[in-house]
């Protein structure tokens, strides 16, 4: 089983103007989340991109001529990403380095399962790629309709962007669409309270639970975060 662990220095990030240099290119999708000063938009591919704005979750939008335009409302969306963690009935996905929280009351069989027997059903876990079809509630909550397990990502670490809700001894708490995700820090590390409320970019380890030594080997990668500017597209 894989585990989630913070492995690199946080970098305070601003909002990157999405599709910079795109000119009059059109991007279409559904707003599936917010990130301080930005909206997260999922196109038909399910790979999320961030745009400056404040449009409501569920809005159908187009990016034309350098700005987002609301063209309607959608009650469904597709999100593809890597499972960061499951907490109760909530699954946290990293899609193109952006985090979303999806509520699920049931767990479905893997797309690779060949029989309906309960003994063959699998539940995607940390590090697995999934494609989740979701419905958008009136409160902006994403509720899972179906979930296809696309297999392990084979990544030992991923980079994500999120807002810090709280810091504690040995932990950092992120806020994702109104849900909180607590991430353990390496031993001896405590973050300053000045990070609370900031949008940050961070690296997360997806190493095997019993392979704790790998976390320290990745510490040198932290310098890469300082040039990320916020996770981008």
Protein backbone atom coordinates (compact mmCIF):
# COMPACT_ATOMS: atom_id res chain seq x y z
CA UNK A 1 0.00 0.00 0.00
CA UNK A 2 1.24 3.46 -0.80
CA UNK A 3 1.27 6.31 1.67
CA UNK A 4 1.11 10.08 1.39
CA UNK A 5 3.94 12.19 2.77
CA UNK A 6 5.10 15.75 2.20
CA UNK A 7 8.66 15.61 0.88
CA UNK A 8 9.73 19.09 -0.25
CA UNK A 9 9.79 22.73 0.75
CA UNK A 10 6.57 24.66 0.19
CA UNK A 11 6.60 27.49 -2.32
CA UNK A 12 4.05 30.28 -1.95
CA UNK A 13 2.38 30.58 -5.32
CA UNK A 14 0.37 33.08 -7.26
CA UNK A 15 -2.30 32.37 -9.84
CA UNK A 16 -0.88 31.75 -13.27
CA UNK A 17 -2.92 33.34 -16.09
CA UNK A 18 -4.19 30.20 -17.78
CA UNK A 19 -3.51 29.52 -21.44
CA UNK A 20 -1.01 32.37 -21.62
CA UNK A 21 -0.15 33.08 -25.21
CA UNK A 22 -3.15 31.13 -26.46
CA UNK A 23 -4.44 34.12 -28.41
CA UNK A 24 -7.95 33.41 -29.60
CA UNK A 25 -7.78 29.66 -28.95
CA UNK A 26 -10.93 28.28 -27.34
CA UNK A 27 -10.92 26.01 -24.31
CA UNK A 28 -14.21 24.52 -23.10
CA UNK A 29 -15.02 22.79 -19.86
CA UNK A 30 -16.92 22.65 -16.58
CA UNK A 31 -15.85 24.41 -13.39
CA UNK A 32 -15.18 21.70 -10.80
CA UNK A 33 -13.45 23.64 -8.05
CA UNK A 34 -11.86 26.82 -6.78
CA UNK A 35 -8.36 27.83 -5.81
CA UNK A 36 -7.85 31.21 -4.21
CA UNK A 37 -8.37 33.66 -7.09
CA UNK A 38 -8.87 30.92 -9.66
CA UNK A 39 -11.31 28.31 -10.90
CA UNK A 40 -10.48 24.73 -11.82
CA UNK A 41 -11.97 23.70 -15.14
CA UNK A 42 -12.31 20.14 -16.43
CA UNK A 43 -12.62 19.72 -20.21
CA UNK A 44 -13.88 16.60 -21.99
CA UNK A 45 -10.50 14.92 -21.43
CA UNK A 46 -10.93 15.23 -17.66
CA UNK A 47 -7.50 16.84 -17.14
CA UNK A 48 -8.06 19.99 -15.07
CA UNK A 49 -6.66 23.43 -15.86
CA UNK A 50 -6.70 26.57 -13.72
CA UNK A 51 -7.98 29.96 -14.86
CA UNK A 52 -8.20 33.27 -13.05
CA UNK A 53 -11.84 33.81 -12.08
CA UNK A 54 -14.62 33.11 -9.58
CA UNK A 55 -17.29 31.32 -11.63
CA UNK A 56 -19.52 28.88 -9.71
CA UNK A 57 -18.83 25.16 -9.69
CA UNK A 58 -20.93 23.58 -12.41
CA UNK A 59 -20.64 26.52 -14.79
CA UNK A 60 -19.94 25.60 -18.40
CA UNK A 61 -17.25 27.97 -19.58
CA UNK A 62 -15.18 28.82 -22.62
CA UNK A 63 -11.83 30.58 -22.66
CA UNK A 64 -11.94 32.92 -25.63
CA UNK A 65 -9.88 36.00 -26.37
CA UNK A 66 -8.04 35.86 -23.07
CA UNK A 67 -11.00 35.51 -20.70
CA UNK A 68 -13.47 32.99 -19.37
CA UNK A 69 -17.07 33.24 -20.55
CA UNK A 70 -19.96 31.38 -18.89
CA UNK A 71 -22.07 29.70 -21.58
CA UNK A 72 -24.37 27.54 -19.47
CA UNK A 73 -24.67 25.08 -16.62
CA UNK A 74 -23.66 21.43 -16.39
CA UNK A 75 -24.68 18.84 -13.82
CA UNK A 76 -21.96 16.36 -14.81
CA UNK A 77 -18.22 16.36 -15.47
CA UNK A 78 -15.33 13.97 -15.99
CA UNK A 79 -12.22 14.20 -13.82
CA UNK A 80 -9.08 12.17 -14.52
CA UNK A 81 -6.26 12.11 -12.02
CA UNK A 82 -4.15 10.32 -9.45
CA UNK A 83 -5.61 9.26 -6.12
CA UNK A 84 -3.93 11.25 -3.36
CA UNK A 85 -5.98 9.84 -0.50
CA UNK A 86 -9.37 8.48 0.50
CA UNK A 87 -10.82 9.88 3.72
CA UNK A 88 -14.09 8.25 4.65
CA UNK A 89 -16.40 8.77 1.68
CA UNK A 90 -14.24 11.47 0.11
CA UNK A 91 -11.56 10.86 -2.49
CA UNK A 92 -8.91 13.49 -3.15
CA UNK A 93 -7.60 13.49 -6.73
CA UNK A 94 -4.64 15.30 -8.25
CA UNK A 95 -5.46 16.19 -11.84
CA UNK A 96 -2.75 18.01 -13.77
CA UNK A 97 -1.33 19.13 -10.37
CA UNK A 98 -4.67 20.52 -9.15
CA UNK A 99 -6.58 18.96 -6.23
CA UNK A 100 -10.30 18.19 -6.19
CA UNK A 101 -12.46 16.46 -3.58
CA UNK A 102 -15.10 13.98 -4.76
CA UNK A 103 -17.73 12.41 -2.52
CA UNK A 104 -18.52 8.75 -3.03
CA UNK A 105 -21.00 6.61 -1.13
CA UNK A 106 -19.97 3.42 -2.88
CA UNK A 107 -16.93 1.85 -4.46
CA UNK A 108 -17.13 0.25 -7.88
CA UNK A 109 -15.18 -2.49 -9.57
CA UNK A 110 -12.00 -1.79 -11.48
CA UNK A 111 -12.37 -1.25 -15.22
CA UNK A 112 -10.04 -4.23 -15.65
CA UNK A 113 -12.27 -6.62 -13.68
CA UNK A 114 -13.72 -9.38 -15.85
CA UNK A 115 -16.30 -10.82 -13.46
CA UNK A 116 -18.93 -9.24 -11.22
CA UNK A 117 -17.85 -11.31 -8.22
CA UNK A 118 -17.22 -9.11 -5.13
CA UNK A 119 -13.93 -10.97 -4.59
CA UNK A 120 -12.53 -9.48 -7.82
CA UNK A 121 -13.51 -5.89 -7.09
CA UNK A 122 -10.73 -3.44 -6.33
CA UNK A 123 -10.68 0.02 -4.85
CA UNK A 124 -8.15 2.47 -6.35
CA UNK A 125 -5.76 3.66 -3.67
CA UNK A 126 -3.04 6.30 -3.30
CA UNK A 127 -1.00 6.48 -6.50
CA UNK A 128 -3.61 4.93 -8.81
CA UNK A 129 -4.90 6.65 -11.94
CA UNK A 130 -8.68 6.95 -12.12
CA UNK A 131 -11.36 8.48 -14.32
CA UNK A 132 -14.30 9.67 -12.22
CA UNK A 133 -17.64 10.68 -13.70
CA UNK A 134 -19.24 13.12 -11.25
CA UNK A 135 -22.45 15.03 -10.76
CA UNK A 136 -22.40 18.62 -9.54
CA UNK A 137 -24.76 19.38 -6.67
CA UNK A 138 -26.49 22.70 -6.07
CA UNK A 139 -23.98 23.37 -3.29
CA UNK A 140 -21.04 22.85 -5.63
CA UNK A 141 -20.21 19.43 -4.21
CA UNK A 142 -18.88 16.79 -6.62
CA UNK A 143 -20.60 13.41 -6.18
CA UNK A 144 -19.21 10.34 -7.86
CA UNK A 145 -21.37 8.47 -10.37
CA UNK A 146 -18.73 6.01 -11.50
CA UNK A 147 -15.04 5.42 -11.06
CA UNK A 148 -12.75 3.53 -13.45
CA UNK A 149 -9.43 2.24 -12.17
CA UNK A 150 -6.84 2.97 -14.89
CA UNK A 151 -4.00 1.30 -13.04
CA UNK A 152 -1.02 2.56 -11.00
CA UNK A 153 0.63 5.80 -12.02
CA UNK A 154 4.14 4.46 -11.38
CA UNK A 155 5.03 7.89 -9.99
CA UNK A 156 6.96 7.98 -6.72
CA UNK A 157 5.96 11.61 -6.14
CA UNK A 158 3.51 14.18 -7.47
CA UNK A 159 3.35 17.96 -7.33
CA UNK A 160 0.10 19.64 -6.24
CA UNK A 161 -1.21 23.13 -5.57
CA UNK A 162 -3.57 23.93 -2.72
CA UNK A 163 -4.48 26.44 -0.02
CA UNK A 164 -3.11 25.87 3.49
CA UNK A 165 -5.90 25.78 6.06
CA UNK A 166 -3.77 25.07 9.12
CA UNK A 167 -0.34 23.98 10.27
CA UNK A 168 0.41 21.76 13.22
CA UNK A 169 3.23 19.85 14.80
CA UNK A 170 4.32 17.50 12.06
CA UNK A 171 1.35 18.20 9.76
CA UNK A 172 -0.03 20.63 7.21
CA UNK A 173 -3.76 20.82 6.51
CA UNK A 174 -4.91 21.71 3.01
CA UNK A 175 -8.39 22.87 2.04
CA UNK A 176 -9.87 21.37 -1.13
CA UNK A 177 -13.37 22.43 -2.20
CA UNK A 178 -14.41 22.90 1.40
CA UNK A 179 -12.88 19.58 2.51
CA UNK A 180 -9.67 19.27 4.50
CA UNK A 181 -6.73 17.01 3.77
CA UNK A 182 -4.11 16.48 6.47
CA UNK A 183 -0.63 15.68 5.17
CA UNK A 184 2.12 14.39 7.50
CA UNK A 185 5.46 16.18 7.39
CA UNK A 186 8.93 14.64 7.63
CA UNK A 187 10.12 14.10 11.17
CA UNK A 188 11.20 17.30 12.90
CA UNK A 189 9.60 19.68 10.38
CA UNK A 190 6.97 22.24 11.47
CA UNK A 191 5.75 24.98 9.16
CA UNK A 192 5.28 28.62 10.26
CA UNK A 193 1.76 29.93 10.77
CA UNK A 194 2.38 32.51 8.04
CA UNK A 195 1.57 29.80 5.49
CA UNK A 196 -2.09 29.67 6.60
CA UNK A 197 -4.34 31.07 3.89
CA UNK A 198 -1.59 30.95 1.27
CA UNK A 199 -1.77 29.10 -2.04
CA UNK A 200 1.25 26.83 -2.17
CA UNK A 201 2.88 24.28 -4.42
CA UNK A 202 4.29 21.18 -2.78
CA UNK A 203 5.65 17.76 -3.61
CA UNK A 204 4.01 14.68 -2.13
CA UNK A 205 5.59 11.25 -1.88
CA UNK A 206 3.61 8.22 -3.03
CA UNK A 207 6.11 5.69 -1.75
CA UNK A 208 5.28 2.26 -0.42
CA UNK A 209 4.17 2.32 3.20
CA UNK A 210 7.07 0.17 4.35
CA UNK A 211 9.69 2.00 2.30
CA UNK A 212 10.12 5.09 4.43
CA UNK A 213 13.76 5.64 3.50
CA UNK A 214 12.82 6.88 0.02
CA UNK A 215 11.35 10.10 1.41
CA UNK A 216 14.70 11.52 2.46
CA UNK A 217 16.20 10.78 -0.96
CA UNK A 218 13.74 13.21 -2.55
CA UNK A 219 14.48 16.17 -0.31
CA UNK A 220 16.92 17.61 -2.83
CA UNK A 221 14.11 18.16 -5.34
CA UNK A 222 12.62 20.99 -3.30
CA UNK A 223 14.40 23.68 -5.30
CA UNK A 224 12.25 22.82 -8.31
CA UNK A 225 9.13 24.14 -6.56
CA UNK A 226 10.35 27.71 -6.31
CA UNK A 227 10.10 28.20 -10.06
CA UNK A 228 6.70 26.56 -10.52
CA UNK A 229 4.66 29.71 -9.94
CA UNK A 230 1.56 27.80 -8.96
CA UNK A 231 1.14 24.57 -10.78
CA UNK A 232 -0.12 25.98 -14.05
CA UNK A 233 -1.66 23.97 -16.81
